[in-house]
Amino acid sequence: MSTKYEKNFYLASLAEGSDKYIEMAIFLENMIKQKDKDLNSEERDLLSTAYKKSVFYKRNALITITAYEAREKKKENSNVLPYITQYNSY
């Protein structure tokens, strides 16, 4: 195995331990580019975890922001609704 492969595999594992799943996916993509064989089960599991959890956290954030927005829309005069709407557009 190349040292680039080992480096990316280690960094992906480190990113997983730090809950940085988007970075984890990037390291794994770079790792896969260094391979000329199919992924082994450990590599497939890491890749699956990276994508599942990165989507999970984004989804939860969207649900939370949408809930705040819905709550503020029910109020007649919400001072913070424009802030939430703008933040939600990022």
PDB file of N, CA and C in Angstrom:
ATOM      1  N   MET A   1       0.846  -1.194   0.000  1.00  0.00           N
ATOM      2  CA  MET A   1       0.000   0.000   0.000  1.00  0.00           C
ATOM      3  C   MET A   1       0.882   1.245   0.000  1.00  0.00           C
ATOM      4  N   SER A   2       0.361   2.250  -0.631  1.00  0.00           N
ATOM      5  CA  SER A   2       1.131   3.489  -0.691  1.00  0.00           C
ATOM      6  C   SER A   2       0.986   4.260   0.623  1.00  0.00           C
ATOM      7  N   THR A   3       1.916   5.141   0.870  1.00  0.00           N
ATOM      8  CA  THR A   3       1.834   5.949   2.084  1.00  0.00           C
ATOM      9  C   THR A   3       0.681   6.934   2.012  1.00  0.00           C
ATOM     10  N   LYS A   4       0.307   7.379   0.785  1.00  0.00           N
ATOM     11  CA  LYS A   4      -0.855   8.261   0.649  1.00  0.00           C
ATOM     12  C   LYS A   4      -2.117   7.533   1.072  1.00  0.00           C
ATOM     13  N   TYR A   5      -2.216   6.262   0.706  1.00  0.00           N
ATOM     14  CA  TYR A   5      -3.358   5.449   1.102  1.00  0.00           C
ATOM     15  C   TYR A   5      -3.430   5.365   2.625  1.00  0.00           C
ATOM     16  N   GLU A   6      -2.320   5.007   3.242  1.00  0.00           N
ATOM     17  CA  GLU A   6      -2.277   4.847   4.703  1.00  0.00           C
ATOM     18  C   GLU A   6      -2.586   6.165   5.413  1.00  0.00           C
ATOM     19  N   LYS A   7      -2.040   7.249   4.893  1.00  0.00           N
ATOM     20  CA  LYS A   7      -2.291   8.565   5.478  1.00  0.00           C
ATOM     21  C   LYS A   7      -3.777   8.897   5.423  1.00  0.00           C
ATOM     22  N   ASN A   8      -4.410   8.722   4.253  1.00  0.00           N
ATOM     23  CA  ASN A   8      -5.828   9.038   4.108  1.00  0.00           C
ATOM     24  C   ASN A   8      -6.697   8.113   4.948  1.00  0.00           C
ATOM     25  N   PHE A   9      -6.324   6.840   5.037  1.00  0.00           N
ATOM     26  CA  PHE A   9      -7.082   5.908   5.874  1.00  0.00           C
ATOM     27  C   PHE A   9      -7.001   6.338   7.342  1.00  0.00           C
ATOM     28  N   TYR A  10      -5.806   6.697   7.797  1.00  0.00           N
ATOM     29  CA  TYR A  10      -5.652   7.148   9.182  1.00  0.00           C
ATOM     30  C   TYR A  10      -6.422   8.441   9.428  1.00  0.00           C
ATOM     31  N   LEU A  11      -6.313   9.402   8.516  1.00  0.00           N
ATOM     32  CA  LEU A  11      -7.020  10.674   8.682  1.00  0.00           C
ATOM     33  C   LEU A  11      -8.533  10.473   8.672  1.00  0.00           C
ATOM     34  N   ALA A  12      -9.018   9.538   7.870  1.00  0.00           N
ATOM     35  CA  ALA A  12     -10.452   9.223   7.861  1.00  0.00           C
ATOM     36  C   ALA A  12     -10.884   8.665   9.219  1.00  0.00           C
ATOM     37  N   SER A  13     -10.083   7.794   9.781  1.00  0.00           N
ATOM     38  CA  SER A  13     -10.384   7.238  11.106  1.00  0.00           C
ATOM     39  C   SER A  13     -10.348   8.329  12.173  1.00  0.00           C
ATOM     40  N   LEU A  14      -9.382   9.221  12.062  1.00  0.00           N
ATOM     41  CA  LEU A  14      -9.268  10.342  12.995  1.00  0.00           C
ATOM     42  C   LEU A  14     -10.476  11.268  12.869  1.00  0.00           C
ATOM     43  N   ALA A  15     -10.892  11.555  11.642  1.00  0.00           N
ATOM     44  CA  ALA A  15     -12.062  12.407  11.409  1.00  0.00           C
ATOM     45  C   ALA A  15     -13.316  11.760  11.989  1.00  0.00           C
ATOM     46  N   GLU A  16     -13.424  10.439  11.869  1.00  0.00           N
ATOM     47  CA  GLU A  16     -14.578   9.743  12.445  1.00  0.00           C
ATOM     48  C   GLU A  16     -14.605   9.919  13.962  1.00  0.00           C
ATOM     49  N   GLY A  17     -13.471   9.781  14.596  1.00  0.00           N
ATOM     50  CA  GLY A  17     -13.385   9.959  16.042  1.00  0.00           C
ATOM     51  C   GLY A  17     -13.692  11.370  16.489  1.00  0.00           C
ATOM     52  N   SER A  18     -13.525  12.320  15.579  1.00  0.00           N
ATOM     53  CA  SER A  18     -13.789  13.731  15.875  1.00  0.00           C
ATOM     54  C   SER A  18     -15.162  14.188  15.398  1.00  0.00           C
ATOM     55  N   ASP A  19     -15.973  13.256  14.901  1.00  0.00           N
ATOM     56  CA  ASP A  19     -17.308  13.560  14.371  1.00  0.00           C
ATOM     57  C   ASP A  19     -17.262  14.565  13.231  1.00  0.00           C
ATOM     58  N   LYS A  20     -16.235  14.494  12.414  1.00  0.00           N
ATOM     59  CA  LYS A  20     -16.103  15.358  11.234  1.00  0.00           C
ATOM     60  C   LYS A  20     -16.324  14.484   9.999  1.00  0.00           C
ATOM     61  N   TYR A  21     -17.590  14.197   9.726  1.00  0.00           N
ATOM     62  CA  TYR A  21     -17.927  13.190   8.728  1.00  0.00           C
ATOM     63  C   TYR A  21     -17.734  13.672   7.291  1.00  0.00           C
ATOM     64  N   ILE A  22     -17.887  14.949   7.034  1.00  0.00           N
ATOM     65  CA  ILE A  22     -17.651  15.446   5.681  1.00  0.00           C
ATOM     66  C   ILE A  22     -16.165  15.311   5.343  1.00  0.00           C
ATOM     67  N   GLU A  23     -15.302  15.707   6.286  1.00  0.00           N
ATOM     68  CA  GLU A  23     -13.867  15.547   6.079  1.00  0.00           C
ATOM     69  C   GLU A  23     -13.507  14.071   5.952  1.00  0.00           C
ATOM     70  N   MET A  24     -14.173  13.229   6.735  1.00  0.00           N
ATOM     71  CA  MET A  24     -13.945  11.794   6.673  1.00  0.00           C
ATOM     72  C   MET A  24     -14.215  11.270   5.265  1.00  0.00           C
ATOM     73  N   ALA A  25     -15.321  11.710   4.674  1.00  0.00           N
ATOM     74  CA  ALA A  25     -15.667  11.270   3.322  1.00  0.00           C
ATOM     75  C   ALA A  25     -14.612  11.727   2.308  1.00  0.00           C
ATOM     76  N   ILE A  26     -14.107  12.931   2.484  1.00  0.00           N
ATOM     77  CA  ILE A  26     -13.078  13.448   1.566  1.00  0.00           C
ATOM     78  C   ILE A  26     -11.806  12.607   1.660  1.00  0.00           C
ATOM     79  N   PHE A  27     -11.379  12.301   2.886  1.00  0.00           N
ATOM     80  CA  PHE A  27     -10.179  11.466   3.064  1.00  0.00           C
ATOM     81  C   PHE A  27     -10.390  10.085   2.448  1.00  0.00           C
ATOM     82  N   LEU A  28     -11.593   9.533   2.616  1.00  0.00           N
ATOM     83  CA  LEU A  28     -11.865   8.213   2.061  1.00  0.00           C
ATOM     84  C   LEU A  28     -11.905   8.243   0.534  1.00  0.00           C
ATOM     85  N   GLU A  29     -12.443   9.303  -0.033  1.00  0.00           N
ATOM     86  CA  GLU A  29     -12.422   9.427  -1.490  1.00  0.00           C
ATOM     87  C   GLU A  29     -10.982   9.471  -2.002  1.00  0.00           C
ATOM     88  N   ASN A  30     -10.144  10.225  -1.306  1.00  0.00           N
ATOM     89  CA  ASN A  30      -8.725  10.289  -1.682  1.00  0.00           C
ATOM     90  C   ASN A  30      -8.055   8.929  -1.501  1.00  0.00           C
ATOM     91  N   MET A  31      -8.429   8.206  -0.460  1.00  0.00           N
ATOM     92  CA  MET A  31      -7.875   6.888  -0.193  1.00  0.00           C
ATOM     93  C   MET A  31      -8.252   5.919  -1.314  1.00  0.00           C
ATOM     94  N   ILE A  32      -9.515   5.984  -1.732  1.00  0.00           N
ATOM     95  CA  ILE A  32     -10.003   5.076  -2.771  1.00  0.00           C
ATOM     96  C   ILE A  32      -9.264   5.313  -4.091  1.00  0.00           C
ATOM     97  N   LYS A  33      -8.922   6.546  -4.358  1.00  0.00           N
ATOM     98  CA  LYS A  33      -8.182   6.861  -5.588  1.00  0.00           C
ATOM     99  C   LYS A  33      -6.811   6.193  -5.603  1.00  0.00           C
ATOM    100  N   GLN A  34      -6.270   5.868  -4.433  1.00  0.00           N
ATOM    101  CA  GLN A  34      -4.953   5.235  -4.333  1.00  0.00           C
ATOM    102  C   GLN A  34      -5.028   3.714  -4.464  1.00  0.00           C
ATOM    103  N   LYS A  35      -6.246   3.158  -4.468  1.00  0.00           N
ATOM    104  CA  LYS A  35      -6.427   1.704  -4.508  1.00  0.00           C
ATOM    105  C   LYS A  35      -6.674   1.226  -5.923  1.00  0.00           C
ATOM    106  N   ASP A  36      -6.142   0.049  -6.219  1.00  0.00           N
ATOM    107  CA  ASP A  36      -6.435  -0.555  -7.510  1.00  0.00           C
ATOM    108  C   ASP A  36      -7.293  -1.808  -7.349  1.00  0.00           C
ATOM    109  N   LYS A  37      -7.685  -2.126  -6.121  1.00  0.00           N
ATOM    110  CA  LYS A  37      -8.548  -3.286  -5.833  1.00  0.00           C
ATOM    111  C   LYS A  37      -9.868  -2.789  -5.263  1.00  0.00           C
ATOM    112  N   ASP A  38     -10.818  -3.716  -5.114  1.00  0.00           N
ATOM    113  CA  ASP A  38     -12.084  -3.397  -4.466  1.00  0.00           C
ATOM    114  C   ASP A  38     -11.853  -3.072  -2.998  1.00  0.00           C
ATOM    115  N   LEU A  39     -12.785  -2.349  -2.410  1.00  0.00           N
ATOM    116  CA  LEU A  39     -12.685  -2.007  -0.992  1.00  0.00           C
ATOM    117  C   LEU A  39     -12.900  -3.249  -0.138  1.00  0.00           C
ATOM    118  N   ASN A  40     -12.173  -3.315   0.965  1.00  0.00           N
ATOM    119  CA  ASN A  40     -12.431  -4.399   1.910  1.00  0.00           C
ATOM    120  C   ASN A  40     -13.583  -3.986   2.819  1.00  0.00           C
ATOM    121  N   SER A  41     -14.010  -4.873   3.680  1.00  0.00           N
ATOM    122  CA  SER A  41     -15.201  -4.599   4.494  1.00  0.00           C
ATOM    123  C   SER A  41     -14.987  -3.420   5.449  1.00  0.00           C
ATOM    124  N   GLU A  42     -13.797  -3.261   6.006  1.00  0.00           N
ATOM    125  CA  GLU A  42     -13.519  -2.140   6.908  1.00  0.00           C
ATOM    126  C   GLU A  42     -13.593  -0.809   6.150  1.00  0.00           C
ATOM    127  N   GLU A  43     -13.057  -0.784   4.957  1.00  0.00           N
ATOM    128  CA  GLU A  43     -13.094   0.431   4.146  1.00  0.00           C
ATOM    129  C   GLU A  43     -14.519   0.773   3.719  1.00  0.00           C
ATOM    130  N   ARG A  44     -15.289  -0.245   3.338  1.00  0.00           N
ATOM    131  CA  ARG A  44     -16.692  -0.021   2.969  1.00  0.00           C
ATOM    132  C   ARG A  44     -17.494   0.500   4.152  1.00  0.00           C
ATOM    133  N   ASP A  45     -17.243  -0.062   5.335  1.00  0.00           N
ATOM    134  CA  ASP A  45     -17.951   0.397   6.535  1.00  0.00           C
ATOM    135  C   ASP A  45     -17.626   1.853   6.849  1.00  0.00           C
ATOM    136  N   LEU A  46     -16.350   2.223   6.739  1.00  0.00           N
ATOM    137  CA  LEU A  46     -15.956   3.613   6.989  1.00  0.00           C
ATOM    138  C   LEU A  46     -16.627   4.561   5.996  1.00  0.00           C
ATOM    139  N   LEU A  47     -16.640   4.178   4.731  1.00  0.00           N
ATOM    140  CA  LEU A  47     -17.248   5.018   3.705  1.00  0.00           C
ATOM    141  C   LEU A  47     -18.752   5.164   3.950  1.00  0.00           C
ATOM    142  N   SER A  48     -19.394   4.077   4.286  1.00  0.00           N
ATOM    143  CA  SER A  48     -20.827   4.107   4.585  1.00  0.00           C
ATOM    144  C   SER A  48     -21.114   5.010   5.782  1.00  0.00           C
ATOM    145  N   THR A  49     -20.322   4.883   6.825  1.00  0.00           N
ATOM    146  CA  THR A  49     -20.489   5.710   8.022  1.00  0.00           C
ATOM    147  C   THR A  49     -20.316   7.186   7.689  1.00  0.00           C
ATOM    148  N   ALA A  50     -19.302   7.501   6.900  1.00  0.00           N
ATOM    149  CA  ALA A  50     -19.030   8.903   6.555  1.00  0.00           C
ATOM    150  C   ALA A  50     -20.230   9.541   5.874  1.00  0.00           C
ATOM    151  N   TYR A  51     -20.791   8.876   4.894  1.00  0.00           N
ATOM    152  CA  TYR A  51     -21.906   9.467   4.156  1.00  0.00           C
ATOM    153  C   TYR A  51     -23.198   9.476   4.966  1.00  0.00           C
ATOM    154  N   LYS A  52     -23.470   8.385   5.676  1.00  0.00           N
ATOM    155  CA  LYS A  52     -24.699   8.338   6.476  1.00  0.00           C
ATOM    156  C   LYS A  52     -24.716   9.432   7.540  1.00  0.00           C
ATOM    157  N   LYS A  53     -23.616   9.560   8.259  1.00  0.00           N
ATOM    158  CA  LYS A  53     -23.600  10.515   9.361  1.00  0.00           C
ATOM    159  C   LYS A  53     -23.506  11.960   8.890  1.00  0.00           C
ATOM    160  N   SER A  54     -22.829  12.213   7.787  1.00  0.00           N
ATOM    161  CA  SER A  54     -22.779  13.593   7.293  1.00  0.00           C
ATOM    162  C   SER A  54     -24.175  14.037   6.864  1.00  0.00           C
ATOM    163  N   VAL A  55     -24.940  13.159   6.256  1.00  0.00           N
ATOM    164  CA  VAL A  55     -26.310  13.482   5.865  1.00  0.00           C
ATOM    165  C   VAL A  55     -27.202  13.585   7.099  1.00  0.00           C
ATOM    166  N   PHE A  56     -26.999  12.716   8.076  1.00  0.00           N
ATOM    167  CA  PHE A  56     -27.800  12.711   9.301  1.00  0.00           C
ATOM    168  C   PHE A  56     -27.710  14.058  10.019  1.00  0.00           C
ATOM    169  N   TYR A  57     -26.508  14.577  10.191  1.00  0.00           N
ATOM    170  CA  TYR A  57     -26.341  15.838  10.915  1.00  0.00           C
ATOM    171  C   TYR A  57     -26.918  17.023  10.138  1.00  0.00           C
ATOM    172  N   LYS A  58     -26.749  17.009   8.835  1.00  0.00           N
ATOM    173  CA  LYS A  58     -27.336  18.085   8.029  1.00  0.00           C
ATOM    174  C   LYS A  58     -28.860  18.021   8.088  1.00  0.00           C
ATOM    175  N   ARG A  59     -29.399  16.817   8.035  1.00  0.00           N
ATOM    176  CA  ARG A  59     -30.849  16.640   8.090  1.00  0.00           C
ATOM    177  C   ARG A  59     -31.403  17.120   9.422  1.00  0.00           C
ATOM    178  N   ASN A  60     -30.755  16.756  10.506  1.00  0.00           N
ATOM    179  CA  ASN A  60     -31.206  17.199  11.830  1.00  0.00           C
ATOM    180  C   ASN A  60     -31.145  18.712  11.975  1.00  0.00           C
ATOM    181  N   ALA A  61     -30.118  19.323  11.436  1.00  0.00           N
ATOM    182  CA  ALA A  61     -29.999  20.780  11.491  1.00  0.00           C
ATOM    183  C   ALA A  61     -31.149  21.429  10.723  1.00  0.00           C
ATOM    184  N   LEU A  62     -31.457  20.900   9.566  1.00  0.00           N
ATOM    185  CA  LEU A  62     -32.551  21.441   8.764  1.00  0.00           C
ATOM    186  C   LEU A  62     -33.890  21.289   9.484  1.00  0.00           C
ATOM    187  N   ILE A  63     -34.119  20.153  10.106  1.00  0.00           N
ATOM    188  CA  ILE A  63     -35.361  19.923  10.859  1.00  0.00           C
ATOM    189  C   ILE A  63     -35.477  20.924  12.007  1.00  0.00           C
ATOM    190  N   THR A  64     -34.392  21.155  12.714  1.00  0.00           N
ATOM    191  CA  THR A  64     -34.399  22.089  13.844  1.00  0.00           C
ATOM    192  C   THR A  64     -34.692  23.509  13.382  1.00  0.00           C
ATOM    193  N   ILE A  65     -34.008  23.955  12.355  1.00  0.00           N
ATOM    194  CA  ILE A  65     -34.216  25.323  11.847  1.00  0.00           C
ATOM    195  C   ILE A  65     -35.637  25.495  11.326  1.00  0.00           C
ATOM    196  N   THR A  66     -36.143  24.486  10.632  1.00  0.00           N
ATOM    197  CA  THR A  66     -37.505  24.541  10.105  1.00  0.00           C
ATOM    198  C   THR A  66     -38.525  24.616  11.235  1.00  0.00           C
ATOM    199  N   ALA A  67     -38.263  23.919  12.331  1.00  0.00           N
ATOM    200  CA  ALA A  67     -39.165  23.967  13.486  1.00  0.00           C
ATOM    201  C   ALA A  67     -39.183  25.363  14.109  1.00  0.00           C
ATOM    202  N   TYR A  68     -38.015  25.971  14.245  1.00  0.00           N
ATOM    203  CA  TYR A  68     -37.952  27.344  14.763  1.00  0.00           C
ATOM    204  C   TYR A  68     -38.708  28.296  13.840  1.00  0.00           C
ATOM    205  N   GLU A  69     -38.530  28.129  12.554  1.00  0.00           N
ATOM    206  CA  GLU A  69     -39.189  28.984  11.579  1.00  0.00           C
ATOM    207  C   GLU A  69     -40.714  28.837  11.668  1.00  0.00           C
ATOM    208  N   ALA A  70     -41.184  27.612  11.770  1.00  0.00           N
ATOM    209  CA  ALA A  70     -42.632  27.377  11.865  1.00  0.00           C
ATOM    210  C   ALA A  70     -43.199  27.996  13.139  1.00  0.00           C
ATOM    211  N   ARG A  71     -42.470  27.870  14.234  1.00  0.00           N
ATOM    212  CA  ARG A  71     -42.922  28.454  15.503  1.00  0.00           C
ATOM    213  C   ARG A  71     -43.023  29.972  15.396  1.00  0.00           C
ATOM    214  N   GLU A  72     -42.046  30.596  14.773  1.00  0.00           N
ATOM    215  CA  GLU A  72     -42.049  32.052  14.645  1.00  0.00           C
ATOM    216  C   GLU A  72     -43.109  32.538  13.661  1.00  0.00           C
ATOM    217  N   LYS A  73     -43.428  31.744  12.651  1.00  0.00           N
ATOM    218  CA  LYS A  73     -44.458  32.123  11.680  1.00  0.00           C
ATOM    219  C   LYS A  73     -45.843  32.176  12.323  1.00  0.00           C
ATOM    220  N   LYS A  74     -46.048  31.423  13.399  1.00  0.00           N
ATOM    221  CA  LYS A  74     -47.333  31.409  14.099  1.00  0.00           C
ATOM    222  C   LYS A  74     -47.560  32.690  14.900  1.00  0.00           C
ATOM    223  N   LYS A  75     -46.485  33.369  15.219  1.00  0.00           N
ATOM    224  CA  LYS A  75     -46.589  34.613  15.971  1.00  0.00           C
ATOM    225  C   LYS A  75     -46.979  35.747  15.037  1.00  0.00           C
ATOM    226  N   GLU A  76     -47.734  36.699  15.570  1.00  0.00           N
ATOM    227  CA  GLU A  76     -48.152  37.842  14.746  1.00  0.00           C
ATOM    228  C   GLU A  76     -46.970  38.742  14.394  1.00  0.00           C
ATOM    229  N   ASN A  77     -46.198  39.104  15.381  1.00  0.00           N
ATOM    230  CA  ASN A  77     -45.061  39.998  15.158  1.00  0.00           C
ATOM    231  C   ASN A  77     -43.788  39.330  15.653  1.00  0.00           C
ATOM    232  N   SER A  78     -43.134  38.621  14.779  1.00  0.00           N
ATOM    233  CA  SER A  78     -41.877  37.979  15.151  1.00  0.00           C
ATOM    234  C   SER A  78     -40.713  38.837  14.681  1.00  0.00           C
ATOM    235  N   ASN A  79     -39.888  39.227  15.621  1.00  0.00           N
ATOM    236  CA  ASN A  79     -38.703  40.018  15.282  1.00  0.00           C
ATOM    237  C   ASN A  79     -37.586  39.156  14.691  1.00  0.00           C
ATOM    238  N   VAL A  80     -37.601  37.875  14.997  1.00  0.00           N
ATOM    239  CA  VAL A  80     -36.487  37.026  14.578  1.00  0.00           C
ATOM    240  C   VAL A  80     -36.767  36.193  13.329  1.00  0.00           C
ATOM    241  N   LEU A  81     -38.010  36.186  12.845  1.00  0.00           N
ATOM    242  CA  LEU A  81     -38.340  35.392  11.660  1.00  0.00           C
ATOM    243  C   LEU A  81     -37.466  35.743  10.452  1.00  0.00           C
ATOM    244  N   PRO A  82     -37.210  37.008  10.176  1.00  0.00           N
ATOM    245  CA  PRO A  82     -36.322  37.311   9.039  1.00  0.00           C
ATOM    246  C   PRO A  82     -34.915  36.731   9.213  1.00  0.00           C
ATOM    247  N   TYR A  83     -34.439  36.695  10.444  1.00  0.00           N
ATOM    248  CA  TYR A  83     -33.118  36.121  10.712  1.00  0.00           C
ATOM    249  C   TYR A  83     -33.113  34.622  10.430  1.00  0.00           C
ATOM    250  N   ILE A  84     -34.157  33.963  10.898  1.00  0.00           N
ATOM    251  CA  ILE A  84     -34.250  32.512  10.690  1.00  0.00           C
ATOM    252  C   ILE A  84     -34.352  32.191   9.207  1.00  0.00           C
ATOM    253  N   THR A  85     -35.198  32.940   8.509  1.00  0.00           N
ATOM    254  CA  THR A  85     -35.378  32.709   7.077  1.00  0.00           C
ATOM    255  C   THR A  85     -34.067  32.924   6.322  1.00  0.00           C
ATOM    256  N   GLN A  86     -33.368  33.980   6.683  1.00  0.00           N
ATOM    257  CA  GLN A  86     -32.073  34.227   6.032  1.00  0.00           C
ATOM    258  C   GLN A  86     -31.079  33.133   6.368  1.00  0.00           C
ATOM    259  N   TYR A  87     -31.022  32.714   7.611  1.00  0.00           N
ATOM    260  CA  TYR A  87     -30.097  31.665   8.025  1.00  0.00           C
ATOM    261  C   TYR A  87     -30.425  30.358   7.323  1.00  0.00           C
ATOM    262  N   ASN A  88     -31.690  30.080   7.142  1.00  0.00           N
ATOM    263  CA  ASN A  88     -32.122  28.846   6.510  1.00  0.00           C
ATOM    264  C   ASN A  88     -31.746  28.812   5.035  1.00  0.00           C
ATOM    265  N   SER A  89     -31.514  29.957   4.428  1.00  0.00           N
ATOM    266  CA  SER A  89     -31.162  29.995   3.015  1.00  0.00           C
ATOM    267  C   SER A  89     -29.680  29.729   2.760  1.00  0.00           C
ATOM    268  N   TYR A  90     -28.864  29.693   3.837  1.00  0.00           N
ATOM    269  CA  TYR A  90     -27.443  29.389   3.663  1.00  0.00           C
ATOM    270  C   TYR A  90     -27.298  27.999   3.231  1.00  0.00           C
TER     271      TYR A  90
END
